[in-house]
Amino acid sequence: MKRGEWVVSLVLAAMVCGTAMGQYGGGKGTAGEPYEIGTAEELIFMGGDPNNWDKHFILTGDIDLGGYSIDTALIAPDLDNSNYTFEGSAFTGVFDGADHQINNMKI
């Protein structure tokens, strides 16, 4: 690999790895270093990224969703409400509330 190609590859890898880390309060999504969720924006981002639904998360503070318009489940929504089966991407990760609360969520 030429020097220029190596630099481009390194930059692209950093962008891909940094996307999730930049959207959460910290962590790596592992059992030992779960992604840290401390704001409504971080929780909403988590719900919008099914690629991370097999990772580990921990709340780092209480979250108030008052003032946010939410029309479906934040995480792993059913994509077809016309029947009684779940159709969507299931959350298979770990979400540790760490004795914090998510308040004022209205769907």
PDB file of N, CA and C in Angstrom:
ATOM      1  N   MET A   1       0.854  -1.172   0.000  1.00  0.00           N
ATOM      2  CA  MET A   1       0.000   0.000   0.000  1.00  0.00           C
ATOM      3  C   MET A   1       0.899   1.234   0.000  1.00  0.00           C
ATOM      4  N   LYS A   2       0.605   2.157  -0.876  1.00  0.00           N
ATOM      5  CA  LYS A   2       1.372   3.400  -0.961  1.00  0.00           C
ATOM      6  C   LYS A   2       1.031   4.310   0.207  1.00  0.00           C
ATOM      7  N   ARG A   3       1.932   5.244   0.494  1.00  0.00           N
ATOM      8  CA  ARG A   3       1.749   6.153   1.626  1.00  0.00           C
ATOM      9  C   ARG A   3       0.414   6.904   1.546  1.00  0.00           C
ATOM     10  N   GLY A   4       0.054   7.432   0.408  1.00  0.00           N
ATOM     11  CA  GLY A   4      -1.203   8.171   0.258  1.00  0.00           C
ATOM     12  C   GLY A   4      -2.422   7.285   0.514  1.00  0.00           C
ATOM     13  N   GLU A   5      -2.369   6.036   0.018  1.00  0.00           N
ATOM     14  CA  GLU A   5      -3.476   5.110   0.251  1.00  0.00           C
ATOM     15  C   GLU A   5      -3.583   4.760   1.728  1.00  0.00           C
ATOM     16  N   TRP A   6      -2.445   4.612   2.399  1.00  0.00           N
ATOM     17  CA  TRP A   6      -2.428   4.293   3.823  1.00  0.00           C
ATOM     18  C   TRP A   6      -3.062   5.419   4.637  1.00  0.00           C
ATOM     19  N   VAL A   7      -2.737   6.651   4.296  1.00  0.00           N
ATOM     20  CA  VAL A   7      -3.293   7.805   5.009  1.00  0.00           C
ATOM     21  C   VAL A   7      -4.809   7.872   4.809  1.00  0.00           C
ATOM     22  N   VAL A   8      -5.280   7.670   3.590  1.00  0.00           N
ATOM     23  CA  VAL A   8      -6.714   7.691   3.314  1.00  0.00           C
ATOM     24  C   VAL A   8      -7.413   6.576   4.091  1.00  0.00           C
ATOM     25  N   SER A   9      -6.832   5.379   4.119  1.00  0.00           N
ATOM     26  CA  SER A   9      -7.419   4.262   4.859  1.00  0.00           C
ATOM     27  C   SER A   9      -7.491   4.559   6.347  1.00  0.00           C
ATOM     28  N   LEU A  10      -6.457   5.159   6.891  1.00  0.00           N
ATOM     29  CA  LEU A  10      -6.422   5.506   8.308  1.00  0.00           C
ATOM     30  C   LEU A  10      -7.501   6.541   8.643  1.00  0.00           C
ATOM     31  N   VAL A  11      -7.646   7.544   7.796  1.00  0.00           N
ATOM     32  CA  VAL A  11      -8.658   8.582   8.022  1.00  0.00           C
ATOM     33  C   VAL A  11     -10.056   7.978   7.955  1.00  0.00           C
ATOM     34  N   LEU A  12     -10.327   7.125   6.984  1.00  0.00           N
ATOM     35  CA  LEU A  12     -11.643   6.487   6.867  1.00  0.00           C
ATOM     36  C   LEU A  12     -11.933   5.603   8.069  1.00  0.00           C
ATOM     37  N   ALA A  13     -10.949   4.856   8.533  1.00  0.00           N
ATOM     38  CA  ALA A  13     -11.144   4.007   9.713  1.00  0.00           C
ATOM     39  C   ALA A  13     -11.442   4.851  10.941  1.00  0.00           C
ATOM     40  N   ALA A  14     -10.767   5.949  11.093  1.00  0.00           N
ATOM     41  CA  ALA A  14     -11.007   6.837  12.236  1.00  0.00           C
ATOM     42  C   ALA A  14     -12.407   7.425  12.177  1.00  0.00           C
ATOM     43  N   MET A  15     -12.864   7.757  10.975  1.00  0.00           N
ATOM     44  CA  MET A  15     -14.206   8.325  10.834  1.00  0.00           C
ATOM     45  C   MET A  15     -15.267   7.298  11.202  1.00  0.00           C
ATOM     46  N   VAL A  16     -15.103   6.051  10.766  1.00  0.00           N
ATOM     47  CA  VAL A  16     -16.075   5.005  11.063  1.00  0.00           C
ATOM     48  C   VAL A  16     -16.082   4.700  12.551  1.00  0.00           C
ATOM     49  N   CYS A  17     -14.917   4.539  13.157  1.00  0.00           N
ATOM     50  CA  CYS A  17     -14.841   4.227  14.590  1.00  0.00           C
ATOM     51  C   CYS A  17     -15.294   5.410  15.435  1.00  0.00           C
ATOM     52  N   GLY A  18     -15.040   6.595  15.011  1.00  0.00           N
ATOM     53  CA  GLY A  18     -15.366   7.768  15.802  1.00  0.00           C
ATOM     54  C   GLY A  18     -16.822   8.178  15.737  1.00  0.00           C
ATOM     55  N   THR A  19     -17.578   7.642  14.791  1.00  0.00           N
ATOM     56  CA  THR A  19     -18.974   8.041  14.650  1.00  0.00           C
ATOM     57  C   THR A  19     -19.770   7.733  15.906  1.00  0.00           C
ATOM     58  N   ALA A  20     -19.763   6.496  16.355  1.00  0.00           N
ATOM     59  CA  ALA A  20     -20.521   6.134  17.557  1.00  0.00           C
ATOM     60  C   ALA A  20     -19.929   6.802  18.787  1.00  0.00           C
ATOM     61  N   MET A  21     -18.607   6.807  18.896  1.00  0.00           N
ATOM     62  CA  MET A  21     -17.982   7.392  20.073  1.00  0.00           C
ATOM     63  C   MET A  21     -18.287   8.878  20.179  1.00  0.00           C
ATOM     64  N   GLY A  22     -18.398   9.563  19.065  1.00  0.00           N
ATOM     65  CA  GLY A  22     -18.684  10.991  19.088  1.00  0.00           C
ATOM     66  C   GLY A  22     -20.132  11.302  19.421  1.00  0.00           C
ATOM     67  N   GLN A  23     -21.011  10.317  19.304  1.00  0.00           N
ATOM     68  CA  GLN A  23     -22.434  10.538  19.553  1.00  0.00           C
ATOM     69  C   GLN A  23     -22.848  10.167  20.972  1.00  0.00           C
ATOM     70  N   TYR A  24     -21.990   9.507  21.718  1.00  0.00           N
ATOM     71  CA  TYR A  24     -22.283   9.120  23.095  1.00  0.00           C
ATOM     72  C   TYR A  24     -21.341   9.869  24.027  1.00  0.00           C
ATOM     73  N   GLY A  25     -21.599   9.776  25.323  1.00  0.00           N
ATOM     74  CA  GLY A  25     -20.790  10.481  26.303  1.00  0.00           C
ATOM     75  C   GLY A  25     -19.450   9.828  26.559  1.00  0.00           C
ATOM     76  N   GLY A  26     -19.220   8.679  25.995  1.00  0.00           N
ATOM     77  CA  GLY A  26     -17.978   7.950  26.173  1.00  0.00           C
ATOM     78  C   GLY A  26     -18.224   6.466  26.001  1.00  0.00           C
ATOM     79  N   GLY A  27     -17.204   5.683  26.256  1.00  0.00           N
ATOM     80  CA  GLY A  27     -17.292   4.235  26.166  1.00  0.00           C
ATOM     81  C   GLY A  27     -17.025   3.700  24.780  1.00  0.00           C
ATOM     82  N   LYS A  28     -16.920   2.356  24.723  1.00  0.00           N
ATOM     83  CA  LYS A  28     -16.629   1.676  23.465  1.00  0.00           C
ATOM     84  C   LYS A  28     -17.703   0.665  23.070  1.00  0.00           C
ATOM     85  N   GLY A  29     -18.770   0.580  23.861  1.00  0.00           N
ATOM     86  CA  GLY A  29     -19.851  -0.346  23.536  1.00  0.00           C
ATOM     87  C   GLY A  29     -19.598  -1.770  23.987  1.00  0.00           C
ATOM     88  N   THR A  30     -18.557  -1.982  24.786  1.00  0.00           N
ATOM     89  CA  THR A  30     -18.233  -3.319  25.277  1.00  0.00           C
ATOM     90  C   THR A  30     -18.764  -3.496  26.699  1.00  0.00           C
ATOM     91  N   ALA A  31     -18.716  -4.728  27.205  1.00  0.00           N
ATOM     92  CA  ALA A  31     -19.164  -4.991  28.581  1.00  0.00           C
ATOM     93  C   ALA A  31     -18.322  -4.203  29.584  1.00  0.00           C
ATOM     94  N   GLY A  32     -17.031  -4.106  29.349  1.00  0.00           N
ATOM     95  CA  GLY A  32     -16.138  -3.389  30.255  1.00  0.00           C
ATOM     96  C   GLY A  32     -16.178  -1.878  30.098  1.00  0.00           C
ATOM     97  N   GLU A  33     -16.529  -1.414  28.907  1.00  0.00           N
ATOM     98  CA  GLU A  33     -16.608   0.024  28.612  1.00  0.00           C
ATOM     99  C   GLU A  33     -17.864   0.315  27.792  1.00  0.00           C
ATOM    100  N   PRO A  34     -19.037   0.256  28.453  1.00  0.00           N
ATOM    101  CA  PRO A  34     -20.281   0.491  27.705  1.00  0.00           C
ATOM    102  C   PRO A  34     -20.371   1.931  27.207  1.00  0.00           C
ATOM    103  N   TYR A  35     -21.128   2.110  26.125  1.00  0.00           N
ATOM    104  CA  TYR A  35     -21.415   3.464  25.659  1.00  0.00           C
ATOM    105  C   TYR A  35     -22.175   4.188  26.766  1.00  0.00           C
ATOM    106  N   GLU A  36     -21.814   5.423  27.030  1.00  0.00           N
ATOM    107  CA  GLU A  36     -22.426   6.208  28.098  1.00  0.00           C
ATOM    108  C   GLU A  36     -23.515   7.109  27.529  1.00  0.00           C
ATOM    109  N   ILE A  37     -24.725   6.972  28.098  1.00  0.00           N
ATOM    110  CA  ILE A  37     -25.884   7.746  27.683  1.00  0.00           C
ATOM    111  C   ILE A  37     -26.256   8.671  28.838  1.00  0.00           C
ATOM    112  N   GLY A  38     -26.134   9.979  28.629  1.00  0.00           N
ATOM    113  CA  GLY A  38     -26.439  10.927  29.692  1.00  0.00           C
ATOM    114  C   GLY A  38     -27.364  12.054  29.280  1.00  0.00           C
ATOM    115  N   THR A  39     -27.731  12.093  27.996  1.00  0.00           N
ATOM    116  CA  THR A  39     -28.601  13.161  27.507  1.00  0.00           C
ATOM    117  C   THR A  39     -29.701  12.566  26.630  1.00  0.00           C
ATOM    118  N   ALA A  40     -30.759  13.336  26.451  1.00  0.00           N
ATOM    119  CA  ALA A  40     -31.846  12.910  25.569  1.00  0.00           C
ATOM    120  C   ALA A  40     -31.329  12.707  24.147  1.00  0.00           C
ATOM    121  N   GLU A  41     -30.441  13.567  23.710  1.00  0.00           N
ATOM    122  CA  GLU A  41     -29.903  13.468  22.346  1.00  0.00           C
ATOM    123  C   GLU A  41     -29.120  12.172  22.158  1.00  0.00           C
ATOM    124  N   GLU A  42     -28.353  11.778  23.169  1.00  0.00           N
ATOM    125  CA  GLU A  42     -27.590  10.525  23.068  1.00  0.00           C
ATOM    126  C   GLU A  42     -28.529   9.320  23.038  1.00  0.00           C
ATOM    127  N   LEU A  43     -29.592   9.354  23.840  1.00  0.00           N
ATOM    128  CA  LEU A  43     -30.565   8.261  23.850  1.00  0.00           C
ATOM    129  C   LEU A  43     -31.283   8.173  22.508  1.00  0.00           C
ATOM    130  N   ILE A  44     -31.676   9.297  21.964  1.00  0.00           N
ATOM    131  CA  ILE A  44     -32.359   9.319  20.670  1.00  0.00           C
ATOM    132  C   ILE A  44     -31.416   8.839  19.568  1.00  0.00           C
ATOM    133  N   PHE A  45     -30.133   9.221  19.629  1.00  0.00           N
ATOM    134  CA  PHE A  45     -29.163   8.732  18.651  1.00  0.00           C
ATOM    135  C   PHE A  45     -29.040   7.215  18.741  1.00  0.00           C
ATOM    136  N   MET A  46     -28.993   6.703  19.969  1.00  0.00           N
ATOM    137  CA  MET A  46     -28.903   5.254  20.168  1.00  0.00           C
ATOM    138  C   MET A  46     -30.069   4.556  19.477  1.00  0.00           C
ATOM    139  N   GLY A  47     -31.261   5.081  19.659  1.00  0.00           N
ATOM    140  CA  GLY A  47     -32.448   4.487  19.055  1.00  0.00           C
ATOM    141  C   GLY A  47     -32.451   4.548  17.543  1.00  0.00           C
ATOM    142  N   GLY A  48     -31.751   5.501  16.978  1.00  0.00           N
ATOM    143  CA  GLY A  48     -31.733   5.665  15.532  1.00  0.00           C
ATOM    144  C   GLY A  48     -30.632   4.902  14.825  1.00  0.00           C
ATOM    145  N   ASP A  49     -29.824   4.144  15.576  1.00  0.00           N
ATOM    146  CA  ASP A  49     -28.700   3.431  14.964  1.00  0.00           C
ATOM    147  C   ASP A  49     -28.757   1.943  15.273  1.00  0.00           C
ATOM    148  N   PRO A  50     -29.519   1.163  14.487  1.00  0.00           N
ATOM    149  CA  PRO A  50     -29.642  -0.271  14.759  1.00  0.00           C
ATOM    150  C   PRO A  50     -28.321  -1.023  14.690  1.00  0.00           C
ATOM    151  N   ASN A  51     -27.291  -0.452  14.099  1.00  0.00           N
ATOM    152  CA  ASN A  51     -25.991  -1.111  14.052  1.00  0.00           C
ATOM    153  C   ASN A  51     -25.369  -1.250  15.437  1.00  0.00           C
ATOM    154  N   ASN A  52     -25.850  -0.471  16.396  1.00  0.00           N
ATOM    155  CA  ASN A  52     -25.306  -0.526  17.752  1.00  0.00           C
ATOM    156  C   ASN A  52     -26.210  -1.278  18.721  1.00  0.00           C
ATOM    157  N   TRP A  53     -27.295  -1.851  18.271  1.00  0.00           N
ATOM    158  CA  TRP A  53     -28.255  -2.481  19.173  1.00  0.00           C
ATOM    159  C   TRP A  53     -27.780  -3.809  19.741  1.00  0.00           C
ATOM    160  N   ASP A  54     -26.575  -4.220  19.408  1.00  0.00           N
ATOM    161  CA  ASP A  54     -25.993  -5.418  20.026  1.00  0.00           C
ATOM    162  C   ASP A  54     -24.842  -5.040  20.968  1.00  0.00           C
ATOM    163  N   LYS A  55     -24.746  -3.767  21.301  1.00  0.00           N
ATOM    164  CA  LYS A  55     -23.666  -3.260  22.154  1.00  0.00           C
ATOM    165  C   LYS A  55     -24.146  -3.075  23.598  1.00  0.00           C
ATOM    166  N   HIS A  56     -23.232  -2.644  24.446  1.00  0.00           N
ATOM    167  CA  HIS A  56     -23.531  -2.384  25.853  1.00  0.00           C
ATOM    168  C   HIS A  56     -23.663  -0.881  26.071  1.00  0.00           C
ATOM    169  N   PHE A  57     -24.670  -0.495  26.877  1.00  0.00           N
ATOM    170  CA  PHE A  57     -24.952   0.908  27.177  1.00  0.00           C
ATOM    171  C   PHE A  57     -25.179   1.064  28.671  1.00  0.00           C
ATOM    172  N   ILE A  58     -24.887   2.263  29.171  1.00  0.00           N
ATOM    173  CA  ILE A  58     -25.165   2.575  30.564  1.00  0.00           C
ATOM    174  C   ILE A  58     -25.642   4.020  30.665  1.00  0.00           C
ATOM    175  N   LEU A  59     -26.679   4.245  31.481  1.00  0.00           N
ATOM    176  CA  LEU A  59     -27.125   5.618  31.732  1.00  0.00           C
ATOM    177  C   LEU A  59     -26.178   6.252  32.740  1.00  0.00           C
ATOM    178  N   THR A  60     -25.792   7.479  32.478  1.00  0.00           N
ATOM    179  CA  THR A  60     -24.890   8.196  33.389  1.00  0.00           C
ATOM    180  C   THR A  60     -25.608   9.315  34.126  1.00  0.00           C
ATOM    181  N   GLY A  61     -26.898   9.471  33.880  1.00  0.00           N
ATOM    182  CA  GLY A  61     -27.699  10.486  34.553  1.00  0.00           C
ATOM    183  C   GLY A  61     -29.153  10.309  34.180  1.00  0.00           C
ATOM    184  N   ASP A  62     -30.031  10.964  34.927  1.00  0.00           N
ATOM    185  CA  ASP A  62     -31.449  10.948  34.584  1.00  0.00           C
ATOM    186  C   ASP A  62     -31.659  11.689  33.264  1.00  0.00           C
ATOM    187  N   ILE A  63     -32.603  11.227  32.465  1.00  0.00           N
ATOM    188  CA  ILE A  63     -32.889  11.843  31.169  1.00  0.00           C
ATOM    189  C   ILE A  63     -34.337  12.300  31.149  1.00  0.00           C
ATOM    190  N   ASP A  64     -34.557  13.542  30.771  1.00  0.00           N
ATOM    191  CA  ASP A  64     -35.898  14.115  30.659  1.00  0.00           C
ATOM    192  C   ASP A  64     -36.247  14.260  29.183  1.00  0.00           C
ATOM    193  N   LEU A  65     -37.266  13.523  28.749  1.00  0.00           N
ATOM    194  CA  LEU A  65     -37.687  13.582  27.351  1.00  0.00           C
ATOM    195  C   LEU A  65     -38.864  14.522  27.143  1.00  0.00           C
ATOM    196  N   GLY A  66     -39.201  15.313  28.158  1.00  0.00           N
ATOM    197  CA  GLY A  66     -40.243  16.316  28.005  1.00  0.00           C
ATOM    198  C   GLY A  66     -39.843  17.294  26.910  1.00  0.00           C
ATOM    199  N   GLY A  67     -40.756  17.596  26.037  1.00  0.00           N
ATOM    200  CA  GLY A  67     -40.449  18.506  24.939  1.00  0.00           C
ATOM    201  C   GLY A  67     -40.005  17.811  23.668  1.00  0.00           C
ATOM    202  N   TYR A  68     -39.773  16.496  23.732  1.00  0.00           N
ATOM    203  CA  TYR A  68     -39.399  15.740  22.541  1.00  0.00           C
ATOM    204  C   TYR A  68     -40.633  15.050  21.987  1.00  0.00           C
ATOM    205  N   SER A  69     -40.781  15.064  20.679  1.00  0.00           N
ATOM    206  CA  SER A  69     -41.897  14.402  20.017  1.00  0.00           C
ATOM    207  C   SER A  69     -41.452  13.009  19.594  1.00  0.00           C
ATOM    208  N   ILE A  70     -42.027  11.999  20.216  1.00  0.00           N
ATOM    209  CA  ILE A  70     -41.652  10.618  19.943  1.00  0.00           C
ATOM    210  C   ILE A  70     -42.916   9.880  19.516  1.00  0.00           C
ATOM    211  N   ASP A  71     -42.884   9.272  18.322  1.00  0.00           N
ATOM    212  CA  ASP A  71     -44.095   8.629  17.822  1.00  0.00           C
ATOM    213  C   ASP A  71     -44.000   7.109  17.750  1.00  0.00           C
ATOM    214  N   THR A  72     -42.899   6.539  18.206  1.00  0.00           N
ATOM    215  CA  THR A  72     -42.725   5.081  18.228  1.00  0.00           C
ATOM    216  C   THR A  72     -41.683   4.742  19.285  1.00  0.00           C
ATOM    217  N   ALA A  73     -41.472   3.476  19.526  1.00  0.00           N
ATOM    218  CA  ALA A  73     -40.447   3.066  20.488  1.00  0.00           C
ATOM    219  C   ALA A  73     -39.106   3.660  20.072  1.00  0.00           C
ATOM    220  N   LEU A  74     -38.360   4.145  21.044  1.00  0.00           N
ATOM    221  CA  LEU A  74     -37.052   4.729  20.732  1.00  0.00           C
ATOM    222  C   LEU A  74     -36.074   3.683  20.219  1.00  0.00           C
ATOM    223  N   ILE A  75     -36.119   2.509  20.804  1.00  0.00           N
ATOM    224  CA  ILE A  75     -35.161   1.461  20.453  1.00  0.00           C
ATOM    225  C   ILE A  75     -35.931   0.246  19.958  1.00  0.00           C
ATOM    226  N   ALA A  76     -35.540  -0.286  18.829  1.00  0.00           N
ATOM    227  CA  ALA A  76     -36.127  -1.480  18.228  1.00  0.00           C
ATOM    228  C   ALA A  76     -37.628  -1.338  17.986  1.00  0.00           C
ATOM    229  N   PRO A  77     -38.048  -0.323  17.240  1.00  0.00           N
ATOM    230  CA  PRO A  77     -39.479  -0.172  16.961  1.00  0.00           C
ATOM    231  C   PRO A  77     -39.988  -1.253  16.006  1.00  0.00           C
ATOM    232  N   ASP A  78     -41.260  -1.593  16.161  1.00  0.00           N
ATOM    233  CA  ASP A  78     -41.919  -2.506  15.231  1.00  0.00           C
ATOM    234  C   ASP A  78     -42.188  -1.718  13.955  1.00  0.00           C
ATOM    235  N   LEU A  79     -41.749  -2.227  12.841  1.00  0.00           N
ATOM    236  CA  LEU A  79     -41.871  -1.495  11.580  1.00  0.00           C
ATOM    237  C   LEU A  79     -43.216  -1.699  10.883  1.00  0.00           C
ATOM    238  N   ASP A  80     -44.022  -2.668  11.373  1.00  0.00           N
ATOM    239  CA  ASP A  80     -45.313  -2.936  10.749  1.00  0.00           C
ATOM    240  C   ASP A  80     -46.331  -3.215  11.851  1.00  0.00           C
ATOM    241  N   ASN A  81     -47.192  -2.251  12.130  1.00  0.00           N
ATOM    242  CA  ASN A  81     -48.178  -2.400  13.192  1.00  0.00           C
ATOM    243  C   ASN A  81     -49.474  -3.051  12.715  1.00  0.00           C
ATOM    244  N   SER A  82     -49.502  -3.562  11.499  1.00  0.00           N
ATOM    245  CA  SER A  82     -50.740  -4.135  10.961  1.00  0.00           C
ATOM    246  C   SER A  82     -50.977  -5.569  11.421  1.00  0.00           C
ATOM    247  N   ASN A  83     -50.011  -6.169  12.141  1.00  0.00           N
ATOM    248  CA  ASN A  83     -50.200  -7.542  12.626  1.00  0.00           C
ATOM    249  C   ASN A  83     -49.595  -7.664  14.023  1.00  0.00           C
ATOM    250  N   TYR A  84     -49.624  -8.859  14.578  1.00  0.00           N
ATOM    251  CA  TYR A  84     -49.164  -9.060  15.952  1.00  0.00           C
ATOM    252  C   TYR A  84     -47.742  -9.624  16.045  1.00  0.00           C
ATOM    253  N   THR A  85     -47.019  -9.637  14.952  1.00  0.00           N
ATOM    254  CA  THR A  85     -45.639 -10.120  14.990  1.00  0.00           C
ATOM    255  C   THR A  85     -44.682  -8.928  14.961  1.00  0.00           C
ATOM    256  N   PHE A  86     -43.528  -9.114  15.558  1.00  0.00           N
ATOM    257  CA  PHE A  86     -42.516  -8.057  15.565  1.00  0.00           C
ATOM    258  C   PHE A  86     -41.747  -8.093  14.257  1.00  0.00           C
ATOM    259  N   GLU A  87     -41.715  -6.966  13.581  1.00  0.00           N
ATOM    260  CA  GLU A  87     -40.971  -6.844  12.331  1.00  0.00           C
ATOM    261  C   GLU A  87     -40.068  -5.629  12.447  1.00  0.00           C
ATOM    262  N   GLY A  88     -38.827  -5.886  12.630  1.00  0.00           N
ATOM    263  CA  GLY A  88     -37.845  -4.829  12.806  1.00  0.00           C
ATOM    264  C   GLY A  88     -36.549  -5.436  13.317  1.00  0.00           C
ATOM    265  N   SER A  89     -35.630  -4.614  13.716  1.00  0.00           N
ATOM    266  CA  SER A  89     -34.367  -5.073  14.274  1.00  0.00           C
ATOM    267  C   SER A  89     -34.493  -5.113  15.794  1.00  0.00           C
ATOM    268  N   ALA A  90     -34.285  -6.269  16.368  1.00  0.00           N
ATOM    269  CA  ALA A  90     -34.396  -6.417  17.818  1.00  0.00           C
ATOM    270  C   ALA A  90     -33.168  -5.854  18.525  1.00  0.00           C
ATOM    271  N   PHE A  91     -33.367  -5.311  19.718  1.00  0.00           N
ATOM    272  CA  PHE A  91     -32.257  -4.887  20.561  1.00  0.00           C
ATOM    273  C   PHE A  91     -31.736  -6.129  21.270  1.00  0.00           C
ATOM    274  N   THR A  92     -30.493  -6.488  21.013  1.00  0.00           N
ATOM    275  CA  THR A  92     -29.900  -7.681  21.614  1.00  0.00           C
ATOM    276  C   THR A  92     -28.737  -7.326  22.534  1.00  0.00           C
ATOM    277  N   GLY A  93     -28.545  -6.038  22.768  1.00  0.00           N
ATOM    278  CA  GLY A  93     -27.446  -5.589  23.616  1.00  0.00           C
ATOM    279  C   GLY A  93     -27.838  -5.557  25.079  1.00  0.00           C
ATOM    280  N   VAL A  94     -27.088  -4.786  25.849  1.00  0.00           N
ATOM    281  CA  VAL A  94     -27.330  -4.631  27.279  1.00  0.00           C
ATOM    282  C   VAL A  94     -27.523  -3.151  27.567  1.00  0.00           C
ATOM    283  N   PHE A  95     -28.611  -2.819  28.269  1.00  0.00           N
ATOM    284  CA  PHE A  95     -28.888  -1.434  28.645  1.00  0.00           C
ATOM    285  C   PHE A  95     -28.992  -1.386  30.163  1.00  0.00           C
ATOM    286  N   ASP A  96     -27.984  -0.811  30.809  1.00  0.00           N
ATOM    287  CA  ASP A  96     -27.927  -0.712  32.267  1.00  0.00           C
ATOM    288  C   ASP A  96     -28.399   0.674  32.676  1.00  0.00           C
ATOM    289  N   GLY A  97     -29.524   0.737  33.377  1.00  0.00           N
ATOM    290  CA  GLY A  97     -30.053   2.018  33.836  1.00  0.00           C
ATOM    291  C   GLY A  97     -29.261   2.627  34.972  1.00  0.00           C
ATOM    292  N   ALA A  98     -28.449   1.834  35.661  1.00  0.00           N
ATOM    293  CA  ALA A  98     -27.558   2.305  36.733  1.00  0.00           C
ATOM    294  C   ALA A  98     -28.297   3.209  37.733  1.00  0.00           C
ATOM    295  N   ASP A  99     -29.527   2.818  38.073  1.00  0.00           N
ATOM    296  CA  ASP A  99     -30.357   3.551  39.036  1.00  0.00           C
ATOM    297  C   ASP A  99     -30.750   4.955  38.578  1.00  0.00           C
ATOM    298  N   HIS A 100     -30.694   5.209  37.279  1.00  0.00           N
ATOM    299  CA  HIS A 100     -31.151   6.483  36.725  1.00  0.00           C
ATOM    300  C   HIS A 100     -32.528   6.287  36.097  1.00  0.00           C
ATOM    301  N   GLN A 101     -33.182   7.394  35.775  1.00  0.00           N
ATOM    302  CA  GLN A 101     -34.535   7.347  35.229  1.00  0.00           C
ATOM    303  C   GLN A 101     -34.601   8.049  33.871  1.00  0.00           C
ATOM    304  N   ILE A 102     -35.531   7.548  33.052  1.00  0.00           N
ATOM    305  CA  ILE A 102     -35.918   8.237  31.820  1.00  0.00           C
ATOM    306  C   ILE A 102     -37.326   8.760  32.081  1.00  0.00           C
ATOM    307  N   ASN A 103     -37.467  10.080  32.143  1.00  0.00           N
ATOM    308  CA  ASN A 103     -38.728  10.702  32.528  1.00  0.00           C
ATOM    309  C   ASN A 103     -39.421  11.389  31.351  1.00  0.00           C
ATOM    310  N   ASN A 104     -40.738  11.539  31.484  1.00  0.00           N
ATOM    311  CA  ASN A 104     -41.571  12.306  30.554  1.00  0.00           C
ATOM    312  C   ASN A 104     -41.538  11.792  29.123  1.00  0.00           C
ATOM    313  N   MET A 105     -41.402  10.493  28.959  1.00  0.00           N
ATOM    314  CA  MET A 105     -41.458   9.931  27.612  1.00  0.00           C
ATOM    315  C   MET A 105     -42.909   9.618  27.293  1.00  0.00           C
ATOM    316  N   LYS A 106     -43.403  10.233  26.243  1.00  0.00           N
ATOM    317  CA  LYS A 106     -44.775  10.004  25.787  1.00  0.00           C
ATOM    318  C   LYS A 106     -44.723   9.605  24.332  1.00  0.00           C
ATOM    319  N   ILE A 107     -45.374   8.502  24.032  1.00  0.00           N
ATOM    320  CA  ILE A 107     -45.401   8.006  22.646  1.00  0.00           C
ATOM    321  C   ILE A 107     -46.814   8.203  22.125  1.00  0.00           C
TER     322      ILE A 107
END
